[in-house]
Amino acid sequence: MPLTRGRARAVAPTRSIARRRSNARGRWEKNQSIDRRGRGRDRGVARAWAVADALVAIAADDTSRDALACAFTCVAAYAWVKAFDVAADAGTFASTTSRKLVHVTSGVGFACAWPLFSAAASAKAFACAIPVIQGARLFGIGSGIIKNESAVRAVSRAGGKEELLKGPLYYTAALSALTSGYWRTSPIGIVAIAMMCGGDGFADIVGRRFGEGNALPWNGDKSFAGSAGFVAGGFGIASGLLAYFQHFGFIETTGSTYAATFAISCACALVESLPVSSVLDDNFTVVFTAVALGTLLF
């Protein structure tokens, strides 16, 4: 019996030592795991700071910032128009509705991207490149160099690719000219874009929906409803854009600015209603009217 008790007393310390070693190893592995997680967090924070530093460097360098803004806006514009291409393929919108939604939103979205660019003189050139690139794409599709039937359905009136060489191409040319001539420190270009996009676009949308039975005396193809839609859409979008650019400090507006904008909306609606669209495209006549009156009133 003593021998058995002696052996039991000899084994007990051995088990205790094994438990202590096991506990120590567990604590060591836990500490190692915490340390690895800590180093992982440190590496994640370091990467985040590196990205932030790179973005600050890009923002500080005018050329890098403008190139990035140009690339981002080009991709966003392409994705936006592509979404309407897909919708046209799926039959979500009628081609007339799809075309006018692209007409209203594309130019306004492009103008809203102007604050992304720097104050450098070259920023305007980067911004002008965006509608030029889009115009080159339309020219390629309209001339048959690029095959894109969904784009034709989304943008054309009757489904012919040759139509892209007219109104849609003129639209991008007008955007480029307004960007180059007036940029973001003049209400003239801002209001002209609103009239071309919002005014002309809503005139067609509202006129098709509510124009039956109220044709204009001087143009049976246009209606009082469509002209009212022009004034409402043109003035509404112009007012929003003016407030937007004032918020960023590019322009200053007063009550007279909005009064002049309403007068320009009415004048452009009248010009858009004239029976001359078969000779002169609305993208030119409306823009010319808005620029001429804006030069006098602003």
C-alpha atoms as a PDB file:
ATOM      1  CA  MET A   1       0.000   0.000   0.000  1.00  0.00           C
ATOM      2  CA  PRO A   2       2.717   2.523   0.815  1.00  0.00           C
ATOM      3  CA  LEU A   3       4.312   1.761  -2.481  1.00  0.00           C
ATOM      4  CA  THR A   4       1.049   2.437  -4.294  1.00  0.00           C
ATOM      5  CA  ARG A   5       0.562   5.721  -2.428  1.00  0.00           C
ATOM      6  CA  GLY A   6       4.111   6.683  -3.239  1.00  0.00           C
ATOM      7  CA  ARG A   7       3.584   6.057  -6.904  1.00  0.00           C
ATOM      8  CA  ALA A   8       0.362   8.071  -6.819  1.00  0.00           C
ATOM      9  CA  ARG A   9       2.196  10.972  -5.205  1.00  0.00           C
ATOM     10  CA  ALA A  10       4.902  10.717  -7.853  1.00  0.00           C
ATOM     11  CA  VAL A  11       2.422  10.784 -10.748  1.00  0.00           C
ATOM     12  CA  ALA A  12       0.386  13.733  -9.478  1.00  0.00           C
ATOM     13  CA  PRO A  13       3.143  16.315  -9.983  1.00  0.00           C
ATOM     14  CA  THR A  14       3.749  14.994 -13.501  1.00  0.00           C
ATOM     15  CA  ARG A  15       0.112  15.559 -14.460  1.00  0.00           C
ATOM     16  CA  SER A  16       0.163  19.019 -12.900  1.00  0.00           C
ATOM     17  CA  ILE A  17       3.251  19.937 -14.901  1.00  0.00           C
ATOM     18  CA  ALA A  18       1.597  18.673 -18.118  1.00  0.00           C
ATOM     19  CA  ARG A  19      -1.472  20.777 -17.404  1.00  0.00           C
ATOM     20  CA  ARG A  20       0.652  23.863 -16.745  1.00  0.00           C
ATOM     21  CA  ARG A  21       2.578  23.277 -19.967  1.00  0.00           C
ATOM     22  CA  SER A  22      -0.676  22.818 -21.896  1.00  0.00           C
ATOM     23  CA  ASN A  23      -2.111  26.022 -20.406  1.00  0.00           C
ATOM     24  CA  ALA A  24       1.064  27.933 -21.160  1.00  0.00           C
ATOM     25  CA  ARG A  25       1.072  26.717 -24.745  1.00  0.00           C
ATOM     26  CA  GLY A  26      -2.606  27.698 -25.100  1.00  0.00           C
ATOM     27  CA  ARG A  27      -1.849  31.186 -23.802  1.00  0.00           C
ATOM     28  CA  TRP A  28       1.117  31.476 -26.176  1.00  0.00           C
ATOM     29  CA  GLU A  29      -0.978  30.398 -29.187  1.00  0.00           C
ATOM     30  CA  LYS A  30      -3.713  32.833 -28.155  1.00  0.00           C
ATOM     31  CA  ASN A  31      -1.202  35.654 -27.849  1.00  0.00           C
ATOM     32  CA  GLN A  32       0.263  34.738 -31.209  1.00  0.00           C
ATOM     33  CA  SER A  33      -3.223  34.813 -32.771  1.00  0.00           C
ATOM     34  CA  ILE A  34      -3.960  38.211 -31.210  1.00  0.00           C
ATOM     35  CA  ASP A  35      -0.587  39.458 -32.377  1.00  0.00           C
ATOM     36  CA  ARG A  36      -1.270  38.255 -35.927  1.00  0.00           C
ATOM     37  CA  ARG A  37      -4.681  39.932 -35.893  1.00  0.00           C
ATOM     38  CA  GLY A  38      -3.106  43.093 -34.566  1.00  0.00           C
ATOM     39  CA  ARG A  39      -0.479  43.054 -37.294  1.00  0.00           C
ATOM     40  CA  GLY A  40      -3.273  42.390 -39.818  1.00  0.00           C
ATOM     41  CA  ARG A  41      -5.163  45.401 -38.542  1.00  0.00           C
ATOM     42  CA  ASP A  42      -1.995  47.467 -38.689  1.00  0.00           C
ATOM     43  CA  ARG A  43      -1.426  46.416 -42.295  1.00  0.00           C
ATOM     44  CA  GLY A  44      -5.055  47.243 -43.141  1.00  0.00           C
ATOM     45  CA  VAL A  45      -4.724  50.691 -41.574  1.00  0.00           C
ATOM     46  CA  ALA A  46      -1.457  51.228 -43.425  1.00  0.00           C
ATOM     47  CA  ARG A  47      -3.081  50.320 -46.732  1.00  0.00           C
ATOM     48  CA  ALA A  48      -6.003  52.666 -46.017  1.00  0.00           C
ATOM     49  CA  TRP A  49      -3.601  55.517 -45.258  1.00  0.00           C
ATOM     50  CA  ALA A  50      -1.656  54.747 -48.439  1.00  0.00           C
ATOM     51  CA  VAL A  51      -4.844  54.952 -50.518  1.00  0.00           C
ATOM     52  CA  ALA A  52      -5.797  58.201 -48.771  1.00  0.00           C
ATOM     53  CA  ASP A  53      -2.341  59.646 -49.407  1.00  0.00           C
ATOM     54  CA  ALA A  54      -2.593  58.671 -53.077  1.00  0.00           C
ATOM     55  CA  LEU A  55      -6.000  60.339 -53.403  1.00  0.00           C
ATOM     56  CA  VAL A  56      -4.692  63.488 -51.719  1.00  0.00           C
ATOM     57  CA  ALA A  57      -1.723  63.496 -54.102  1.00  0.00           C
ATOM     58  CA  ILE A  58      -4.048  63.110 -57.086  1.00  0.00           C
ATOM     59  CA  ALA A  59      -6.301  65.909 -55.836  1.00  0.00           C
ATOM     60  CA  ALA A  60      -3.282  68.161 -55.296  1.00  0.00           C
ATOM     61  CA  ASP A  61      -2.015  67.555 -58.825  1.00  0.00           C
ATOM     62  CA  ASP A  62      -4.333  69.278 -61.295  1.00  0.00           C
ATOM     63  CA  THR A  63      -3.491  67.115 -64.295  1.00  0.00           C
ATOM     64  CA  SER A  64      -3.958  63.846 -62.401  1.00  0.00           C
ATOM     65  CA  ARG A  65      -7.211  65.058 -60.889  1.00  0.00           C
ATOM     66  CA  ASP A  66      -8.604  66.205 -64.241  1.00  0.00           C
ATOM     67  CA  ALA A  67      -7.556  63.018 -66.012  1.00  0.00           C
ATOM     68  CA  LEU A  68      -9.206  60.946 -63.288  1.00  0.00           C
ATOM     69  CA  ALA A  69     -12.368  63.095 -63.395  1.00  0.00           C
ATOM     70  CA  CYS A  70     -12.482  62.751 -67.179  1.00  0.00           C
ATOM     71  CA  ALA A  71     -12.062  58.973 -67.026  1.00  0.00           C
ATOM     72  CA  PHE A  72     -14.657  58.596 -64.283  1.00  0.00           C
ATOM     73  CA  THR A  73     -17.224  60.747 -66.116  1.00  0.00           C
ATOM     74  CA  CYS A  74     -16.620  58.922 -69.405  1.00  0.00           C
ATOM     75  CA  VAL A  75     -17.182  55.554 -67.751  1.00  0.00           C
ATOM     76  CA  ALA A  76     -20.262  56.808 -65.915  1.00  0.00           C
ATOM     77  CA  ALA A  77     -21.698  58.337 -69.116  1.00  0.00           C
ATOM     78  CA  TYR A  78     -21.086  55.135 -71.058  1.00  0.00           C
ATOM     79  CA  ALA A  79     -22.666  53.025 -68.304  1.00  0.00           C
ATOM     80  CA  TRP A  80     -25.686  55.338 -68.165  1.00  0.00           C
ATOM     81  CA  VAL A  81     -26.319  55.215 -71.914  1.00  0.00           C
ATOM     82  CA  LYS A  82     -25.603  51.455 -71.901  1.00  0.00           C
ATOM     83  CA  ALA A  83     -28.319  51.009 -69.284  1.00  0.00           C
ATOM     84  CA  PHE A  84     -30.804  52.530 -71.713  1.00  0.00           C
ATOM     85  CA  ASP A  85     -29.434  50.273 -74.454  1.00  0.00           C
ATOM     86  CA  VAL A  86     -30.239  47.270 -72.283  1.00  0.00           C
ATOM     87  CA  ALA A  87     -33.658  48.694 -71.411  1.00  0.00           C
ATOM     88  CA  ALA A  88     -34.362  49.178 -75.107  1.00  0.00           C
ATOM     89  CA  ASP A  89     -33.405  45.556 -75.800  1.00  0.00           C
ATOM     90  CA  ALA A  90     -35.711  44.387 -73.021  1.00  0.00           C
ATOM     91  CA  GLY A  91     -38.578  46.548 -74.252  1.00  0.00           C
ATOM     92  CA  THR A  92     -38.742  48.448 -70.958  1.00  0.00           C
ATOM     93  CA  PHE A  93     -39.197  51.770 -72.734  1.00  0.00           C
ATOM     94  CA  ALA A  94     -40.540  52.718 -76.108  1.00  0.00           C
ATOM     95  CA  SER A  95     -37.753  53.989 -78.346  1.00  0.00           C
ATOM     96  CA  THR A  96     -39.168  57.525 -78.286  1.00  0.00           C
ATOM     97  CA  THR A  97     -39.260  57.587 -74.470  1.00  0.00           C
ATOM     98  CA  SER A  98     -35.805  56.025 -74.152  1.00  0.00           C
ATOM     99  CA  ARG A  99     -34.337  58.527 -76.598  1.00  0.00           C
ATOM    100  CA  LYS A 100     -35.733  61.515 -74.712  1.00  0.00           C
ATOM    101  CA  LEU A 101     -34.730  60.186 -71.295  1.00  0.00           C
ATOM    102  CA  VAL A 102     -31.163  59.891 -72.592  1.00  0.00           C
ATOM    103  CA  HIS A 103     -31.538  63.399 -74.041  1.00  0.00           C
ATOM    104  CA  VAL A 104     -32.683  64.881 -70.712  1.00  0.00           C
ATOM    105  CA  THR A 105     -30.338  63.087 -68.329  1.00  0.00           C
ATOM    106  CA  SER A 106     -27.036  62.771 -70.195  1.00  0.00           C
ATOM    107  CA  GLY A 107     -26.284  66.477 -70.599  1.00  0.00           C
ATOM    108  CA  VAL A 108     -27.503  67.360 -67.117  1.00  0.00           C
ATOM    109  CA  GLY A 109     -25.392  64.587 -65.596  1.00  0.00           C
ATOM    110  CA  PHE A 110     -22.384  65.775 -67.559  1.00  0.00           C
ATOM    111  CA  ALA A 111     -22.825  69.322 -66.247  1.00  0.00           C
ATOM    112  CA  CYS A 112     -23.155  68.005 -62.692  1.00  0.00           C
ATOM    113  CA  ALA A 113     -19.705  66.410 -63.076  1.00  0.00           C
ATOM    114  CA  TRP A 114     -17.982  69.754 -63.755  1.00  0.00           C
ATOM    115  CA  PRO A 115     -17.112  70.413 -60.079  1.00  0.00           C
ATOM    116  CA  LEU A 116     -14.972  67.255 -60.117  1.00  0.00           C
ATOM    117  CA  PHE A 117     -12.414  69.077 -62.251  1.00  0.00           C
ATOM    118  CA  SER A 118      -9.671  71.351 -60.940  1.00  0.00           C
ATOM    119  CA  ALA A 119      -9.330  75.099 -61.324  1.00  0.00           C
ATOM    120  CA  ALA A 120      -6.514  74.700 -63.865  1.00  0.00           C
ATOM    121  CA  ALA A 121      -6.975  76.176 -67.327  1.00  0.00           C
ATOM    122  CA  SER A 122      -6.517  72.722 -68.829  1.00  0.00           C
ATOM    123  CA  ALA A 123      -9.482  71.313 -66.885  1.00  0.00           C
ATOM    124  CA  LYS A 124     -11.884  72.611 -69.509  1.00  0.00           C
ATOM    125  CA  ALA A 125     -10.076  70.640 -72.211  1.00  0.00           C
ATOM    126  CA  PHE A 126     -10.425  67.420 -70.213  1.00  0.00           C
ATOM    127  CA  ALA A 127     -14.135  68.114 -69.725  1.00  0.00           C
ATOM    128  CA  CYS A 128     -14.641  68.914 -73.421  1.00  0.00           C
ATOM    129  CA  ALA A 129     -13.127  65.549 -74.310  1.00  0.00           C
ATOM    130  CA  ILE A 130     -16.085  63.717 -72.735  1.00  0.00           C
ATOM    131  CA  PRO A 131     -18.816  64.745 -75.227  1.00  0.00           C
ATOM    132  CA  VAL A 132     -16.238  64.530 -78.024  1.00  0.00           C
ATOM    133  CA  ILE A 133     -15.582  60.886 -77.129  1.00  0.00           C
ATOM    134  CA  GLN A 134     -19.297  60.180 -76.948  1.00  0.00           C
ATOM    135  CA  GLY A 135     -19.775  61.936 -80.278  1.00  0.00           C
ATOM    136  CA  ALA A 136     -17.062  59.789 -81.839  1.00  0.00           C
ATOM    137  CA  ARG A 137     -18.879  56.682 -80.593  1.00  0.00           C
ATOM    138  CA  LEU A 138     -22.168  57.917 -82.091  1.00  0.00           C
ATOM    139  CA  PHE A 139     -20.435  58.684 -85.356  1.00  0.00           C
ATOM    140  CA  GLY A 140     -18.943  55.196 -85.432  1.00  0.00           C
ATOM    141  CA  ILE A 141     -22.331  53.576 -84.813  1.00  0.00           C
ATOM    142  CA  GLY A 142     -24.195  55.866 -87.203  1.00  0.00           C
ATOM    143  CA  SER A 143     -21.710  55.334 -90.023  1.00  0.00           C
ATOM    144  CA  GLY A 144     -21.706  51.561 -89.548  1.00  0.00           C
ATOM    145  CA  ILE A 145     -18.103  51.296 -88.351  1.00  0.00           C
ATOM    146  CA  ILE A 146     -19.340  50.089 -84.966  1.00  0.00           C
ATOM    147  CA  LYS A 147     -22.179  47.564 -84.784  1.00  0.00           C
ATOM    148  CA  ASN A 148     -24.513  48.359 -81.882  1.00  0.00           C
ATOM    149  CA  GLU A 149     -28.186  47.765 -82.621  1.00  0.00           C
ATOM    150  CA  SER A 150     -29.266  48.334 -79.030  1.00  0.00           C
ATOM    151  CA  ALA A 151     -27.719  51.814 -79.056  1.00  0.00           C
ATOM    152  CA  VAL A 152     -29.570  52.570 -82.291  1.00  0.00           C
ATOM    153  CA  ARG A 153     -32.878  51.486 -80.745  1.00  0.00           C
ATOM    154  CA  ALA A 154     -32.238  53.523 -77.598  1.00  0.00           C
ATOM    155  CA  VAL A 155     -31.243  56.791 -79.298  1.00  0.00           C
ATOM    156  CA  SER A 156     -32.889  56.913 -82.733  1.00  0.00           C
ATOM    157  CA  ARG A 157     -36.456  57.937 -83.549  1.00  0.00           C
ATOM    158  CA  ALA A 158     -37.335  55.321 -86.145  1.00  0.00           C
ATOM    159  CA  GLY A 159     -34.602  52.735 -85.629  1.00  0.00           C
ATOM    160  CA  GLY A 160     -32.212  53.853 -88.379  1.00  0.00           C
ATOM    161  CA  LYS A 161     -28.541  54.115 -87.507  1.00  0.00           C
ATOM    162  CA  GLU A 162     -28.152  57.147 -89.798  1.00  0.00           C
ATOM    163  CA  GLU A 163     -30.247  59.141 -87.327  1.00  0.00           C
ATOM    164  CA  LEU A 164     -27.335  59.074 -84.885  1.00  0.00           C
ATOM    165  CA  LEU A 165     -25.420  61.297 -87.307  1.00  0.00           C
ATOM    166  CA  LYS A 166     -28.006  64.058 -86.837  1.00  0.00           C
ATOM    167  CA  GLY A 167     -29.696  65.019 -83.573  1.00  0.00           C
ATOM    168  CA  PRO A 168     -27.640  62.872 -81.162  1.00  0.00           C
ATOM    169  CA  LEU A 169     -24.357  63.921 -82.798  1.00  0.00           C
ATOM    170  CA  TYR A 170     -25.429  67.586 -82.792  1.00  0.00           C
ATOM    171  CA  TYR A 171     -26.273  67.179 -79.108  1.00  0.00           C
ATOM    172  CA  THR A 172     -22.724  66.141 -78.214  1.00  0.00           C
ATOM    173  CA  ALA A 173     -21.310  68.927 -80.401  1.00  0.00           C
ATOM    174  CA  ALA A 174     -23.436  71.493 -78.555  1.00  0.00           C
ATOM    175  CA  LEU A 175     -22.321  70.160 -75.179  1.00  0.00           C
ATOM    176  CA  SER A 176     -18.685  70.406 -76.208  1.00  0.00           C
ATOM    177  CA  ALA A 177     -19.130  73.950 -77.545  1.00  0.00           C
ATOM    178  CA  LEU A 178     -20.939  75.142 -74.404  1.00  0.00           C
ATOM    179  CA  THR A 179     -18.288  73.577 -72.181  1.00  0.00           C
ATOM    180  CA  SER A 180     -15.511  75.235 -74.138  1.00  0.00           C
ATOM    181  CA  GLY A 181     -17.206  78.615 -74.396  1.00  0.00           C
ATOM    182  CA  TYR A 182     -18.790  79.079 -70.967  1.00  0.00           C
ATOM    183  CA  TRP A 183     -17.530  76.359 -68.632  1.00  0.00           C
ATOM    184  CA  ARG A 184     -18.865  76.578 -65.072  1.00  0.00           C
ATOM    185  CA  THR A 185     -18.421  80.233 -64.059  1.00  0.00           C
ATOM    186  CA  SER A 186     -21.089  81.609 -66.397  1.00  0.00           C
ATOM    187  CA  PRO A 187     -24.835  81.034 -66.063  1.00  0.00           C
ATOM    188  CA  ILE A 188     -25.140  81.303 -69.847  1.00  0.00           C
ATOM    189  CA  GLY A 189     -23.750  77.845 -70.585  1.00  0.00           C
ATOM    190  CA  ILE A 190     -25.541  76.296 -67.615  1.00  0.00           C
ATOM    191  CA  VAL A 191     -28.926  77.653 -68.695  1.00  0.00           C
ATOM    192  CA  ALA A 192     -28.318  76.760 -72.355  1.00  0.00           C
ATOM    193  CA  ILE A 193     -27.606  73.126 -71.382  1.00  0.00           C
ATOM    194  CA  ALA A 194     -30.783  73.072 -69.288  1.00  0.00           C
ATOM    195  CA  MET A 195     -32.858  74.379 -72.201  1.00  0.00           C
ATOM    196  CA  MET A 196     -31.396  71.890 -74.667  1.00  0.00           C
ATOM    197  CA  CYS A 197     -31.699  68.908 -72.321  1.00  0.00           C
ATOM    198  CA  GLY A 198     -34.584  69.604 -69.974  1.00  0.00           C
ATOM    199  CA  GLY A 199     -36.663  71.974 -72.080  1.00  0.00           C
ATOM    200  CA  ASP A 200     -36.495  70.173 -75.411  1.00  0.00           C
ATOM    201  CA  GLY A 201     -36.666  66.772 -73.746  1.00  0.00           C
ATOM    202  CA  PHE A 202     -39.767  67.476 -71.662  1.00  0.00           C
ATOM    203  CA  ALA A 203     -41.465  69.236 -74.590  1.00  0.00           C
ATOM    204  CA  ASP A 204     -41.388  65.936 -76.474  1.00  0.00           C
ATOM    205  CA  ILE A 205     -42.341  63.740 -73.508  1.00  0.00           C
ATOM    206  CA  VAL A 206     -45.219  65.951 -72.321  1.00  0.00           C
ATOM    207  CA  GLY A 207     -46.373  66.743 -75.856  1.00  0.00           C
ATOM    208  CA  ARG A 208     -46.689  63.076 -76.768  1.00  0.00           C
ATOM    209  CA  ARG A 209     -48.643  62.354 -73.599  1.00  0.00           C
ATOM    210  CA  PHE A 210     -50.946  65.378 -73.388  1.00  0.00           C
ATOM    211  CA  GLY A 211     -50.660  67.145 -76.740  1.00  0.00           C
ATOM    212  CA  GLU A 212     -53.639  65.628 -78.489  1.00  0.00           C
ATOM    213  CA  GLY A 213     -56.333  68.191 -79.235  1.00  0.00           C
ATOM    214  CA  ASN A 214     -54.277  71.327 -78.403  1.00  0.00           C
ATOM    215  CA  ALA A 215     -52.062  71.779 -81.440  1.00  0.00           C
ATOM    216  CA  LEU A 216     -50.363  75.125 -81.952  1.00  0.00           C
ATOM    217  CA  PRO A 217     -51.898  77.350 -84.659  1.00  0.00           C
ATOM    218  CA  TRP A 218     -48.551  77.898 -86.358  1.00  0.00           C
ATOM    219  CA  ASN A 219     -47.333  74.287 -86.154  1.00  0.00           C
ATOM    220  CA  GLY A 220     -49.738  71.362 -86.134  1.00  0.00           C
ATOM    221  CA  ASP A 221     -46.939  68.990 -85.101  1.00  0.00           C
ATOM    222  CA  LYS A 222     -46.413  70.822 -81.797  1.00  0.00           C
ATOM    223  CA  SER A 223     -48.839  71.475 -78.934  1.00  0.00           C
ATOM    224  CA  PHE A 224     -49.510  73.902 -76.114  1.00  0.00           C
ATOM    225  CA  ALA A 225     -48.915  71.035 -73.691  1.00  0.00           C
ATOM    226  CA  GLY A 226     -45.501  70.377 -75.198  1.00  0.00           C
ATOM    227  CA  SER A 227     -44.542  74.053 -74.991  1.00  0.00           C
ATOM    228  CA  ALA A 228     -45.670  74.170 -71.360  1.00  0.00           C
ATOM    229  CA  GLY A 229     -43.556  71.079 -70.731  1.00  0.00           C
ATOM    230  CA  PHE A 230     -40.593  72.873 -72.302  1.00  0.00           C
ATOM    231  CA  VAL A 231     -40.953  75.893 -69.999  1.00  0.00           C
ATOM    232  CA  ALA A 232     -41.463  73.744 -66.894  1.00  0.00           C
ATOM    233  CA  GLY A 233     -38.629  71.319 -67.692  1.00  0.00           C
ATOM    234  CA  GLY A 234     -36.193  73.946 -68.931  1.00  0.00           C
ATOM    235  CA  PHE A 235     -36.775  76.399 -66.096  1.00  0.00           C
ATOM    236  CA  GLY A 236     -36.880  73.671 -63.439  1.00  0.00           C
ATOM    237  CA  ILE A 237     -33.619  72.019 -64.473  1.00  0.00           C
ATOM    238  CA  ALA A 238     -31.913  75.371 -65.064  1.00  0.00           C
ATOM    239  CA  SER A 239     -32.918  76.528 -61.575  1.00  0.00           C
ATOM    240  CA  GLY A 240     -31.544  73.342 -60.066  1.00  0.00           C
ATOM    241  CA  LEU A 241     -28.259  73.640 -61.927  1.00  0.00           C
ATOM    242  CA  LEU A 242     -27.869  77.323 -61.010  1.00  0.00           C
ATOM    243  CA  ALA A 243     -28.371  76.495 -57.327  1.00  0.00           C
ATOM    244  CA  TYR A 244     -25.969  73.562 -57.664  1.00  0.00           C
ATOM    245  CA  PHE A 245     -23.151  75.666 -59.108  1.00  0.00           C
ATOM    246  CA  GLN A 246     -23.780  78.458 -56.627  1.00  0.00           C
ATOM    247  CA  HIS A 247     -23.396  75.918 -53.826  1.00  0.00           C
ATOM    248  CA  PHE A 248     -19.899  75.114 -55.112  1.00  0.00           C
ATOM    249  CA  GLY A 249     -19.042  78.801 -55.379  1.00  0.00           C
ATOM    250  CA  PHE A 250     -18.736  79.008 -59.162  1.00  0.00           C
ATOM    251  CA  ILE A 251     -21.504  81.569 -59.704  1.00  0.00           C
ATOM    252  CA  GLU A 252     -23.704  83.941 -57.728  1.00  0.00           C
ATOM    253  CA  THR A 253     -27.436  84.120 -58.383  1.00  0.00           C
ATOM    254  CA  THR A 254     -30.156  86.588 -57.440  1.00  0.00           C
ATOM    255  CA  GLY A 255     -33.860  86.832 -58.060  1.00  0.00           C
ATOM    256  CA  SER A 256     -33.164  88.571 -61.361  1.00  0.00           C
ATOM    257  CA  THR A 257     -31.083  85.555 -62.445  1.00  0.00           C
ATOM    258  CA  TYR A 258     -34.096  83.277 -62.108  1.00  0.00           C
ATOM    259  CA  ALA A 259     -36.417  85.838 -63.714  1.00  0.00           C
ATOM    260  CA  ALA A 260     -34.090  86.008 -66.713  1.00  0.00           C
ATOM    261  CA  THR A 261     -33.938  82.210 -66.795  1.00  0.00           C
ATOM    262  CA  PHE A 262     -37.736  81.995 -66.926  1.00  0.00           C
ATOM    263  CA  ALA A 263     -37.817  84.508 -69.783  1.00  0.00           C
ATOM    264  CA  ILE A 264     -35.202  82.467 -71.655  1.00  0.00           C
ATOM    265  CA  SER A 265     -37.284  79.318 -71.084  1.00  0.00           C
ATOM    266  CA  CYS A 266     -40.333  80.945 -72.647  1.00  0.00           C
ATOM    267  CA  ALA A 267     -38.357  82.285 -75.621  1.00  0.00           C
ATOM    268  CA  CYS A 268     -36.695  78.925 -76.247  1.00  0.00           C
ATOM    269  CA  ALA A 269     -40.076  77.178 -76.045  1.00  0.00           C
ATOM    270  CA  LEU A 270     -41.368  79.521 -78.735  1.00  0.00           C
ATOM    271  CA  VAL A 271     -38.346  78.863 -80.970  1.00  0.00           C
ATOM    272  CA  GLU A 272     -38.675  75.104 -80.442  1.00  0.00           C
ATOM    273  CA  SER A 273     -42.298  75.269 -81.560  1.00  0.00           C
ATOM    274  CA  LEU A 274     -41.550  76.928 -84.910  1.00  0.00           C
ATOM    275  CA  PRO A 275     -41.948  74.722 -88.022  1.00  0.00           C
ATOM    276  CA  VAL A 276     -38.248  74.818 -88.909  1.00  0.00           C
ATOM    277  CA  SER A 277     -36.985  71.586 -87.322  1.00  0.00           C
ATOM    278  CA  SER A 278     -36.745  69.910 -90.716  1.00  0.00           C
ATOM    279  CA  VAL A 279     -34.159  72.523 -91.700  1.00  0.00           C
ATOM    280  CA  LEU A 280     -32.568  73.531 -88.392  1.00  0.00           C
ATOM    281  CA  ASP A 281     -32.109  71.038 -85.573  1.00  0.00           C
ATOM    282  CA  ASP A 282     -33.545  71.979 -82.162  1.00  0.00           C
ATOM    283  CA  ASN A 283     -30.184  71.282 -80.537  1.00  0.00           C
ATOM    284  CA  PHE A 284     -28.816  74.269 -82.457  1.00  0.00           C
ATOM    285  CA  THR A 285     -31.789  76.668 -82.481  1.00  0.00           C
ATOM    286  CA  VAL A 286     -32.580  76.255 -78.776  1.00  0.00           C
ATOM    287  CA  VAL A 287     -28.940  76.573 -77.718  1.00  0.00           C
ATOM    288  CA  PHE A 288     -28.384  79.618 -79.942  1.00  0.00           C
ATOM    289  CA  THR A 289     -31.482  81.318 -78.510  1.00  0.00           C
ATOM    290  CA  ALA A 290     -30.473  80.579 -74.926  1.00  0.00           C
ATOM    291  CA  VAL A 291     -26.922  81.830 -75.458  1.00  0.00           C
ATOM    292  CA  ALA A 292     -28.042  85.001 -77.275  1.00  0.00           C
ATOM    293  CA  LEU A 293     -30.595  85.938 -74.629  1.00  0.00           C
ATOM    294  CA  GLY A 294     -28.301  84.881 -71.796  1.00  0.00           C
ATOM    295  CA  THR A 295     -25.619  87.210 -73.124  1.00  0.00           C
ATOM    296  CA  LEU A 296     -28.134  90.076 -73.006  1.00  0.00           C
ATOM    297  CA  LEU A 297     -29.807  89.280 -69.685  1.00  0.00           C
ATOM    298  CA  PHE A 298     -27.095  87.912 -67.396  1.00  0.00           C
END
